[in-house]
Amino acid sequence: MIFLLPALRIILLAALVAVWAAPASAHPAPFSYLDLHLDASRLRGALVIHDFDAAHELGIDKPAILLDPEVAVRYRDRLVAIMQTRLRLSGDGRALSPTWGVIDVLPDRQSVRLPLDFGSETPGGITIDTVMFPYDPNHQTFINIYEKGELRHQAVLDARNAKLDYFAGTTQGRLAVIRTFVASGIHHIAIGPDLTTEMNKKIDELAKKKNLTIGMKASLEFRQFVNSHSDTIAIGPSSAADLVKAAEK
């Protein structure tokens, strides 16, 4: 058994208390929350931020004062200006700029809440790109996506994984999938696989034997073919009636 002098025990105890207390005082809950609601007529949401993070960004020494509704209102515009640069959303490839609502305080969660109203028809595909609080490398933003009131998707974004693509379970969502992935697929079809010089020589030799075009001219001809038949490559031969049926599924 090891015996310590009383003074040494006090010093050791103080050091342990300091170690245990430091993380708790540094940040009690390094999380924020983004809820998005995709309804038939519009896209809306809310961002919930811990008072500690908000206070850090605003240069406030005592985060708890932000839980006073009157104080929160005074700082609301500054906080929104900061969050607008951190939270980037796009719908169907176009940047989305929400209207930020009246700030709410959530004392039981030590947080503040900012409503978001995008005031437009719900897009089929949504991209969220955010590192909400860069000063804290451990900060995480929890994403909840609802469609018609039902929770459809959850994700966590942080400094290492800052981007999320979501496609709605609607006709617009299916069309967004086609636009996104077919465009990527056509690009790879057009540029072709990465081939070595030796492989290209063998392909040209075989093409010559069959009296086919080779080299750059062949590449340009293929690209022209892809551009003029991209719809067929994407969805296969279809009549107008077939296209309507596919969109209605």
C-alpha atoms as a PDB file:
ATOM      1  CA  MET A   1       0.000   0.000   0.000  1.00  0.00           C
ATOM      2  CA  ILE A   2       1.296   3.500  -0.895  1.00  0.00           C
ATOM      3  CA  PHE A   3       0.954   6.268   1.711  1.00  0.00           C
ATOM      4  CA  LEU A   4       0.975   9.917   0.644  1.00  0.00           C
ATOM      5  CA  LEU A   5       1.697  12.961   2.749  1.00  0.00           C
ATOM      6  CA  PRO A   6      -1.443  15.048   3.473  1.00  0.00           C
ATOM      7  CA  ALA A   7      -0.197  17.992   1.402  1.00  0.00           C
ATOM      8  CA  LEU A   8       0.630  15.717  -1.531  1.00  0.00           C
ATOM      9  CA  ARG A   9      -2.808  14.113  -1.346  1.00  0.00           C
ATOM     10  CA  ILE A  10      -4.434  17.554  -1.522  1.00  0.00           C
ATOM     11  CA  ILE A  11      -2.365  18.533  -4.552  1.00  0.00           C
ATOM     12  CA  LEU A  12      -3.184  15.262  -6.319  1.00  0.00           C
ATOM     13  CA  LEU A  13      -6.897  15.604  -5.547  1.00  0.00           C
ATOM     14  CA  ALA A  14      -6.929  19.159  -6.871  1.00  0.00           C
ATOM     15  CA  ALA A  15      -5.232  18.041 -10.087  1.00  0.00           C
ATOM     16  CA  LEU A  16      -7.762  15.258 -10.635  1.00  0.00           C
ATOM     17  CA  VAL A  17     -10.662  17.625 -10.024  1.00  0.00           C
ATOM     18  CA  ALA A  18      -9.198  20.047 -12.555  1.00  0.00           C
ATOM     19  CA  VAL A  19      -8.858  17.285 -15.156  1.00  0.00           C
ATOM     20  CA  TRP A  20     -12.427  16.071 -14.623  1.00  0.00           C
ATOM     21  CA  ALA A  21     -13.900  19.550 -14.566  1.00  0.00           C
ATOM     22  CA  ALA A  22     -12.132  20.897 -17.662  1.00  0.00           C
ATOM     23  CA  PRO A  23     -14.071  18.955 -20.321  1.00  0.00           C
ATOM     24  CA  ALA A  24     -17.386  19.700 -18.666  1.00  0.00           C
ATOM     25  CA  SER A  25     -16.734  23.424 -18.483  1.00  0.00           C
ATOM     26  CA  ALA A  26     -15.222  23.470 -21.979  1.00  0.00           C
ATOM     27  CA  HIS A  27     -18.409  22.336 -23.648  1.00  0.00           C
ATOM     28  CA  PRO A  28     -21.315  20.554 -21.936  1.00  0.00           C
ATOM     29  CA  ALA A  29     -23.012  19.443 -25.184  1.00  0.00           C
ATOM     30  CA  PRO A  30     -21.190  19.903 -28.517  1.00  0.00           C
ATOM     31  CA  PHE A  31     -24.304  19.322 -30.632  1.00  0.00           C
ATOM     32  CA  SER A  32     -26.682  21.305 -32.814  1.00  0.00           C
ATOM     33  CA  TYR A  33     -29.861  20.110 -34.506  1.00  0.00           C
ATOM     34  CA  LEU A  34     -31.347  20.829 -37.917  1.00  0.00           C
ATOM     35  CA  ASP A  35     -34.904  19.684 -38.614  1.00  0.00           C
ATOM     36  CA  LEU A  36     -36.279  19.925 -42.153  1.00  0.00           C
ATOM     37  CA  HIS A  37     -39.946  19.378 -43.027  1.00  0.00           C
ATOM     38  CA  LEU A  38     -40.756  18.570 -46.635  1.00  0.00           C
ATOM     39  CA  ASP A  39     -44.446  19.204 -47.215  1.00  0.00           C
ATOM     40  CA  ALA A  40     -46.399  19.235 -50.453  1.00  0.00           C
ATOM     41  CA  SER A  41     -46.521  23.029 -50.609  1.00  0.00           C
ATOM     42  CA  ARG A  42     -43.309  24.221 -48.970  1.00  0.00           C
ATOM     43  CA  LEU A  43     -40.007  23.491 -47.272  1.00  0.00           C
ATOM     44  CA  ARG A  44     -39.501  24.661 -43.707  1.00  0.00           C
ATOM     45  CA  GLY A  45     -37.288  23.789 -40.764  1.00  0.00           C
ATOM     46  CA  ALA A  46     -35.570  24.848 -37.554  1.00  0.00           C
ATOM     47  CA  LEU A  47     -32.026  25.115 -36.254  1.00  0.00           C
ATOM     48  CA  VAL A  48     -31.382  24.453 -32.551  1.00  0.00           C
ATOM     49  CA  ILE A  49     -28.081  25.751 -31.153  1.00  0.00           C
ATOM     50  CA  HIS A  50     -26.605  25.223 -27.695  1.00  0.00           C
ATOM     51  CA  ASP A  51     -26.171  28.453 -25.732  1.00  0.00           C
ATOM     52  CA  PHE A  52     -22.458  27.681 -25.235  1.00  0.00           C
ATOM     53  CA  ASP A  53     -21.792  27.658 -28.993  1.00  0.00           C
ATOM     54  CA  ALA A  54     -23.914  30.738 -29.614  1.00  0.00           C
ATOM     55  CA  ALA A  55     -22.140  32.602 -26.814  1.00  0.00           C
ATOM     56  CA  HIS A  56     -18.726  31.670 -28.217  1.00  0.00           C
ATOM     57  CA  GLU A  57     -19.621  33.036 -31.652  1.00  0.00           C
ATOM     58  CA  LEU A  58     -21.121  36.207 -30.152  1.00  0.00           C
ATOM     59  CA  GLY A  59     -18.267  36.815 -27.729  1.00  0.00           C
ATOM     60  CA  ILE A  60     -20.445  36.429 -24.627  1.00  0.00           C
ATOM     61  CA  ASP A  61     -18.764  35.293 -21.399  1.00  0.00           C
ATOM     62  CA  LYS A  62     -21.903  33.871 -19.750  1.00  0.00           C
ATOM     63  CA  PRO A  63     -23.861  31.617 -22.152  1.00  0.00           C
ATOM     64  CA  ALA A  64     -26.842  31.359 -19.783  1.00  0.00           C
ATOM     65  CA  ILE A  65     -27.875  34.960 -20.428  1.00  0.00           C
ATOM     66  CA  LEU A  66     -28.981  33.895 -23.935  1.00  0.00           C
ATOM     67  CA  LEU A  67     -31.765  31.894 -22.286  1.00  0.00           C
ATOM     68  CA  ASP A  68     -33.397  35.185 -21.322  1.00  0.00           C
ATOM     69  CA  PRO A  69     -35.882  35.879 -24.172  1.00  0.00           C
ATOM     70  CA  GLU A  70     -35.146  39.619 -24.166  1.00  0.00           C
ATOM     71  CA  VAL A  71     -31.395  39.056 -24.398  1.00  0.00           C
ATOM     72  CA  ALA A  72     -31.819  36.415 -27.118  1.00  0.00           C
ATOM     73  CA  VAL A  73     -33.853  38.849 -29.217  1.00  0.00           C
ATOM     74  CA  ARG A  74     -31.118  41.477 -28.939  1.00  0.00           C
ATOM     75  CA  TYR A  75     -28.506  39.060 -30.265  1.00  0.00           C
ATOM     76  CA  ARG A  76     -30.742  37.377 -32.829  1.00  0.00           C
ATOM     77  CA  ASP A  77     -29.630  39.325 -35.922  1.00  0.00           C
ATOM     78  CA  ARG A  78     -25.929  38.831 -35.195  1.00  0.00           C
ATOM     79  CA  LEU A  79     -26.431  35.111 -34.636  1.00  0.00           C
ATOM     80  CA  VAL A  80     -28.435  34.731 -37.854  1.00  0.00           C
ATOM     81  CA  ALA A  81     -25.729  36.569 -39.823  1.00  0.00           C
ATOM     82  CA  ILE A  82     -23.168  34.049 -38.573  1.00  0.00           C
ATOM     83  CA  MET A  83     -25.339  30.986 -39.171  1.00  0.00           C
ATOM     84  CA  GLN A  84     -26.134  32.086 -42.715  1.00  0.00           C
ATOM     85  CA  THR A  85     -22.459  31.665 -43.580  1.00  0.00           C
ATOM     86  CA  ARG A  86     -22.243  28.232 -41.929  1.00  0.00           C
ATOM     87  CA  LEU A  87     -25.450  26.535 -43.107  1.00  0.00           C
ATOM     88  CA  ARG A  88     -25.584  26.035 -46.868  1.00  0.00           C
ATOM     89  CA  LEU A  89     -28.557  24.317 -48.476  1.00  0.00           C
ATOM     90  CA  SER A  90     -29.460  23.753 -52.100  1.00  0.00           C
ATOM     91  CA  GLY A  91     -32.502  22.249 -53.761  1.00  0.00           C
ATOM     92  CA  ASP A  92     -32.329  20.596 -57.185  1.00  0.00           C
ATOM     93  CA  GLY A  93     -28.968  22.271 -57.727  1.00  0.00           C
ATOM     94  CA  ARG A  94     -30.094  25.782 -56.755  1.00  0.00           C
ATOM     95  CA  ALA A  95     -29.017  27.603 -53.597  1.00  0.00           C
ATOM     96  CA  LEU A  96     -31.779  27.922 -50.994  1.00  0.00           C
ATOM     97  CA  SER A  97     -31.993  31.104 -48.920  1.00  0.00           C
ATOM     98  CA  PRO A  98     -34.427  30.717 -46.028  1.00  0.00           C
ATOM     99  CA  THR A  99     -36.230  33.414 -44.106  1.00  0.00           C
ATOM    100  CA  TRP A 100     -35.018  33.190 -40.506  1.00  0.00           C
ATOM    101  CA  GLY A 101     -37.844  33.469 -37.995  1.00  0.00           C
ATOM    102  CA  VAL A 102     -38.206  34.785 -34.455  1.00  0.00           C
ATOM    103  CA  ILE A 103     -35.680  33.315 -32.031  1.00  0.00           C
ATOM    104  CA  ASP A 104     -37.015  31.029 -29.272  1.00  0.00           C
ATOM    105  CA  VAL A 105     -35.269  30.037 -26.054  1.00  0.00           C
ATOM    106  CA  LEU A 106     -35.264  26.432 -24.818  1.00  0.00           C
ATOM    107  CA  PRO A 107     -34.109  26.603 -21.173  1.00  0.00           C
ATOM    108  CA  ASP A 108     -34.548  22.874 -20.565  1.00  0.00           C
ATOM    109  CA  ARG A 109     -32.108  22.174 -23.405  1.00  0.00           C
ATOM    110  CA  GLN A 110     -29.844  25.173 -22.728  1.00  0.00           C
ATOM    111  CA  SER A 111     -30.420  26.127 -26.354  1.00  0.00           C
ATOM    112  CA  VAL A 112     -31.952  28.651 -28.698  1.00  0.00           C
ATOM    113  CA  ARG A 113     -34.097  27.840 -31.728  1.00  0.00           C
ATOM    114  CA  LEU A 114     -34.257  29.623 -35.085  1.00  0.00           C
ATOM    115  CA  PRO A 115     -37.148  28.715 -37.443  1.00  0.00           C
ATOM    116  CA  LEU A 116     -36.438  28.509 -41.187  1.00  0.00           C
ATOM    117  CA  ASP A 117     -38.961  29.119 -43.966  1.00  0.00           C
ATOM    118  CA  PHE A 118     -37.856  28.540 -47.554  1.00  0.00           C
ATOM    119  CA  GLY A 119     -41.168  29.795 -48.942  1.00  0.00           C
ATOM    120  CA  SER A 120     -41.095  27.693 -52.085  1.00  0.00           C
ATOM    121  CA  GLU A 121     -42.216  24.379 -53.473  1.00  0.00           C
ATOM    122  CA  THR A 122     -40.414  21.441 -51.895  1.00  0.00           C
ATOM    123  CA  PRO A 123     -37.471  20.397 -54.108  1.00  0.00           C
ATOM    124  CA  GLY A 124     -36.916  16.789 -55.096  1.00  0.00           C
ATOM    125  CA  GLY A 125     -33.285  16.740 -54.009  1.00  0.00           C
ATOM    126  CA  ILE A 126     -31.745  18.616 -51.099  1.00  0.00           C
ATOM    127  CA  THR A 127     -28.063  19.078 -50.310  1.00  0.00           C
ATOM    128  CA  ILE A 128     -26.956  20.171 -46.840  1.00  0.00           C
ATOM    129  CA  ASP A 129     -23.388  21.387 -46.443  1.00  0.00           C
ATOM    130  CA  THR A 130     -22.320  22.642 -43.030  1.00  0.00           C
ATOM    131  CA  VAL A 131     -19.574  22.832 -40.479  1.00  0.00           C
ATOM    132  CA  MET A 132     -21.665  24.677 -37.939  1.00  0.00           C
ATOM    133  CA  PHE A 133     -18.971  25.617 -35.413  1.00  0.00           C
ATOM    134  CA  PRO A 134     -15.442  25.293 -36.819  1.00  0.00           C
ATOM    135  CA  TYR A 135     -13.834  26.317 -33.533  1.00  0.00           C
ATOM    136  CA  ASP A 136     -14.883  22.971 -32.033  1.00  0.00           C
ATOM    137  CA  PRO A 137     -13.569  19.998 -34.069  1.00  0.00           C
ATOM    138  CA  ASN A 138     -15.812  17.636 -32.084  1.00  0.00           C
ATOM    139  CA  HIS A 139     -19.031  19.510 -32.820  1.00  0.00           C
ATOM    140  CA  GLN A 140     -21.773  17.484 -34.528  1.00  0.00           C
ATOM    141  CA  THR A 141     -24.973  18.580 -36.224  1.00  0.00           C
ATOM    142  CA  PHE A 142     -27.838  16.095 -36.066  1.00  0.00           C
ATOM    143  CA  ILE A 143     -30.083  16.174 -39.139  1.00  0.00           C
ATOM    144  CA  ASN A 144     -33.738  15.068 -39.039  1.00  0.00           C
ATOM    145  CA  ILE A 145     -35.701  15.109 -42.306  1.00  0.00           C
ATOM    146  CA  TYR A 146     -39.477  14.727 -42.282  1.00  0.00           C
ATOM    147  CA  GLU A 147     -41.857  14.142 -45.173  1.00  0.00           C
ATOM    148  CA  LYS A 148     -45.549  14.804 -44.578  1.00  0.00           C
ATOM    149  CA  GLY A 149     -44.933  14.762 -40.826  1.00  0.00           C
ATOM    150  CA  GLU A 150     -43.078  11.427 -40.790  1.00  0.00           C
ATOM    151  CA  LEU A 151     -39.390  11.102 -39.930  1.00  0.00           C
ATOM    152  CA  ARG A 152     -37.719   9.737 -43.069  1.00  0.00           C
ATOM    153  CA  HIS A 153     -34.003  10.248 -42.593  1.00  0.00           C
ATOM    154  CA  GLN A 154     -31.428  10.985 -39.896  1.00  0.00           C
ATOM    155  CA  ALA A 155     -27.754  11.841 -40.246  1.00  0.00           C
ATOM    156  CA  VAL A 156     -24.856  13.406 -38.371  1.00  0.00           C
ATOM    157  CA  LEU A 157     -22.593  16.003 -39.972  1.00  0.00           C
ATOM    158  CA  ASP A 158     -19.254  17.163 -38.603  1.00  0.00           C
ATOM    159  CA  ALA A 159     -15.914  18.558 -39.731  1.00  0.00           C
ATOM    160  CA  ARG A 160     -14.965  15.209 -41.301  1.00  0.00           C
ATOM    161  CA  ASN A 161     -18.325  14.579 -42.955  1.00  0.00           C
ATOM    162  CA  ALA A 162     -19.919  17.918 -43.748  1.00  0.00           C
ATOM    163  CA  LYS A 163     -22.257  17.138 -46.635  1.00  0.00           C
ATOM    164  CA  LEU A 164     -25.536  15.255 -47.057  1.00  0.00           C
ATOM    165  CA  ASP A 165     -27.610  14.602 -50.187  1.00  0.00           C
ATOM    166  CA  TYR A 166     -31.254  13.652 -49.680  1.00  0.00           C
ATOM    167  CA  PHE A 167     -33.840  12.727 -52.293  1.00  0.00           C
ATOM    168  CA  ALA A 168     -37.520  12.972 -51.447  1.00  0.00           C
ATOM    169  CA  GLY A 169     -39.855  10.038 -51.995  1.00  0.00           C
ATOM    170  CA  THR A 170     -41.864  11.996 -54.560  1.00  0.00           C
ATOM    171  CA  THR A 171     -41.953  12.352 -58.328  1.00  0.00           C
ATOM    172  CA  GLN A 172     -39.670  15.371 -57.984  1.00  0.00           C
ATOM    173  CA  GLY A 173     -37.332  13.262 -55.860  1.00  0.00           C
ATOM    174  CA  ARG A 174     -37.144  10.495 -58.447  1.00  0.00           C
ATOM    175  CA  LEU A 175     -36.458  13.009 -61.199  1.00  0.00           C
ATOM    176  CA  ALA A 176     -33.728  14.566 -59.035  1.00  0.00           C
ATOM    177  CA  VAL A 177     -32.104  11.140 -58.688  1.00  0.00           C
ATOM    178  CA  ILE A 178     -32.123  10.726 -62.462  1.00  0.00           C
ATOM    179  CA  ARG A 179     -30.638  14.174 -63.018  1.00  0.00           C
ATOM    180  CA  THR A 180     -27.905  13.626 -60.435  1.00  0.00           C
ATOM    181  CA  PHE A 181     -26.772  10.082 -61.083  1.00  0.00           C
ATOM    182  CA  VAL A 182     -27.446   9.878 -64.812  1.00  0.00           C
ATOM    183  CA  ALA A 183     -25.456  13.070 -65.371  1.00  0.00           C
ATOM    184  CA  SER A 184     -22.573  11.510 -63.460  1.00  0.00           C
ATOM    185  CA  GLY A 185     -22.939   8.239 -65.351  1.00  0.00           C
ATOM    186  CA  ILE A 186     -23.052   9.946 -68.746  1.00  0.00           C
ATOM    187  CA  HIS A 187     -19.893  11.836 -67.834  1.00  0.00           C
ATOM    188  CA  HIS A 188     -18.060   8.595 -67.155  1.00  0.00           C
ATOM    189  CA  ILE A 189     -19.472   7.001 -70.291  1.00  0.00           C
ATOM    190  CA  ALA A 190     -18.312   9.991 -72.334  1.00  0.00           C
ATOM    191  CA  ILE A 191     -14.779  10.160 -70.989  1.00  0.00           C
ATOM    192  CA  GLY A 192     -14.416   6.391 -70.960  1.00  0.00           C
ATOM    193  CA  PRO A 193     -12.236   4.305 -68.651  1.00  0.00           C
ATOM    194  CA  ASP A 194      -8.620   5.139 -67.939  1.00  0.00           C
ATOM    195  CA  LEU A 195      -6.577   3.127 -70.456  1.00  0.00           C
ATOM    196  CA  THR A 196      -2.840   2.634 -70.775  1.00  0.00           C
ATOM    197  CA  THR A 197      -1.007   3.535 -73.978  1.00  0.00           C
ATOM    198  CA  GLU A 198      -0.574  -0.166 -74.750  1.00  0.00           C
ATOM    199  CA  MET A 199      -4.309  -0.824 -74.325  1.00  0.00           C
ATOM    200  CA  ASN A 200      -5.174   2.084 -76.633  1.00  0.00           C
ATOM    201  CA  LYS A 201      -2.836   0.680 -79.291  1.00  0.00           C
ATOM    202  CA  LYS A 202      -4.537  -2.706 -79.171  1.00  0.00           C
ATOM    203  CA  ILE A 203      -7.986  -1.093 -79.426  1.00  0.00           C
ATOM    204  CA  ASP A 204      -6.861   0.956 -82.458  1.00  0.00           C
ATOM    205  CA  GLU A 205      -5.430  -2.164 -84.136  1.00  0.00           C
ATOM    206  CA  LEU A 206      -8.729  -3.999 -83.733  1.00  0.00           C
ATOM    207  CA  ALA A 207     -10.690  -0.955 -84.942  1.00  0.00           C
ATOM    208  CA  LYS A 208      -8.520  -0.699 -88.084  1.00  0.00           C
ATOM    209  CA  LYS A 209      -9.179  -4.347 -88.950  1.00  0.00           C
ATOM    210  CA  LYS A 210     -12.912  -3.600 -88.896  1.00  0.00           C
ATOM    211  CA  ASN A 211     -12.500  -0.315 -90.807  1.00  0.00           C
ATOM    212  CA  LEU A 212     -13.644   1.725 -87.780  1.00  0.00           C
ATOM    213  CA  THR A 213     -12.590   5.237 -86.868  1.00  0.00           C
ATOM    214  CA  ILE A 214      -9.704   5.466 -84.420  1.00  0.00           C
ATOM    215  CA  GLY A 215      -7.992   8.102 -82.288  1.00  0.00           C
ATOM    216  CA  MET A 216      -9.412  11.535 -81.428  1.00  0.00           C
ATOM    217  CA  LYS A 217     -11.958  11.464 -84.239  1.00  0.00           C
ATOM    218  CA  ALA A 218     -13.468   8.289 -82.804  1.00  0.00           C
ATOM    219  CA  SER A 219     -13.603   9.899 -79.360  1.00  0.00           C
ATOM    220  CA  LEU A 220     -15.450  12.947 -80.711  1.00  0.00           C
ATOM    221  CA  GLU A 221     -17.908  10.784 -82.634  1.00  0.00           C
ATOM    222  CA  PHE A 222     -18.672   8.797 -79.487  1.00  0.00           C
ATOM    223  CA  ARG A 223     -19.229  11.949 -77.434  1.00  0.00           C
ATOM    224  CA  GLN A 224     -21.633  13.248 -80.078  1.00  0.00           C
ATOM    225  CA  PHE A 225     -23.506   9.958 -79.982  1.00  0.00           C
ATOM    226  CA  VAL A 226     -23.799  10.107 -76.171  1.00  0.00           C
ATOM    227  CA  ASN A 227     -25.052  13.700 -76.234  1.00  0.00           C
ATOM    228  CA  SER A 228     -27.753  12.910 -78.775  1.00  0.00           C
ATOM    229  CA  HIS A 229     -28.882   9.715 -77.015  1.00  0.00           C
ATOM    230  CA  SER A 230     -28.463  10.542 -73.327  1.00  0.00           C
ATOM    231  CA  ASP A 231     -32.181  10.228 -72.631  1.00  0.00           C
ATOM    232  CA  THR A 232     -32.275   6.751 -74.200  1.00  0.00           C
ATOM    233  CA  ILE A 233     -29.205   5.652 -72.245  1.00  0.00           C
ATOM    234  CA  ALA A 234     -30.754   6.939 -69.034  1.00  0.00           C
ATOM    235  CA  ILE A 235     -34.205   5.380 -69.215  1.00  0.00           C
ATOM    236  CA  GLY A 236     -34.253   3.108 -72.249  1.00  0.00           C
ATOM    237  CA  PRO A 237     -36.512   3.329 -75.331  1.00  0.00           C
ATOM    238  CA  SER A 238     -39.836   4.882 -74.281  1.00  0.00           C
ATOM    239  CA  SER A 239     -42.939   6.380 -75.801  1.00  0.00           C
ATOM    240  CA  ALA A 240     -44.544   9.573 -74.457  1.00  0.00           C
ATOM    241  CA  ALA A 241     -47.111   7.409 -72.659  1.00  0.00           C
ATOM    242  CA  ASP A 242     -44.329   5.379 -71.028  1.00  0.00           C
ATOM    243  CA  LEU A 243     -42.658   8.551 -69.767  1.00  0.00           C
ATOM    244  CA  VAL A 244     -45.907   9.781 -68.215  1.00  0.00           C
ATOM    245  CA  LYS A 245     -46.443   6.432 -66.470  1.00  0.00           C
ATOM    246  CA  ALA A 246     -42.880   6.429 -65.117  1.00  0.00           C
ATOM    247  CA  ALA A 247     -43.305   9.912 -63.704  1.00  0.00           C
ATOM    248  CA  GLU A 248     -46.568   8.969 -62.007  1.00  0.00           C
ATOM    249  CA  LYS A 249     -45.089   5.947 -60.171  1.00  0.00           C
END
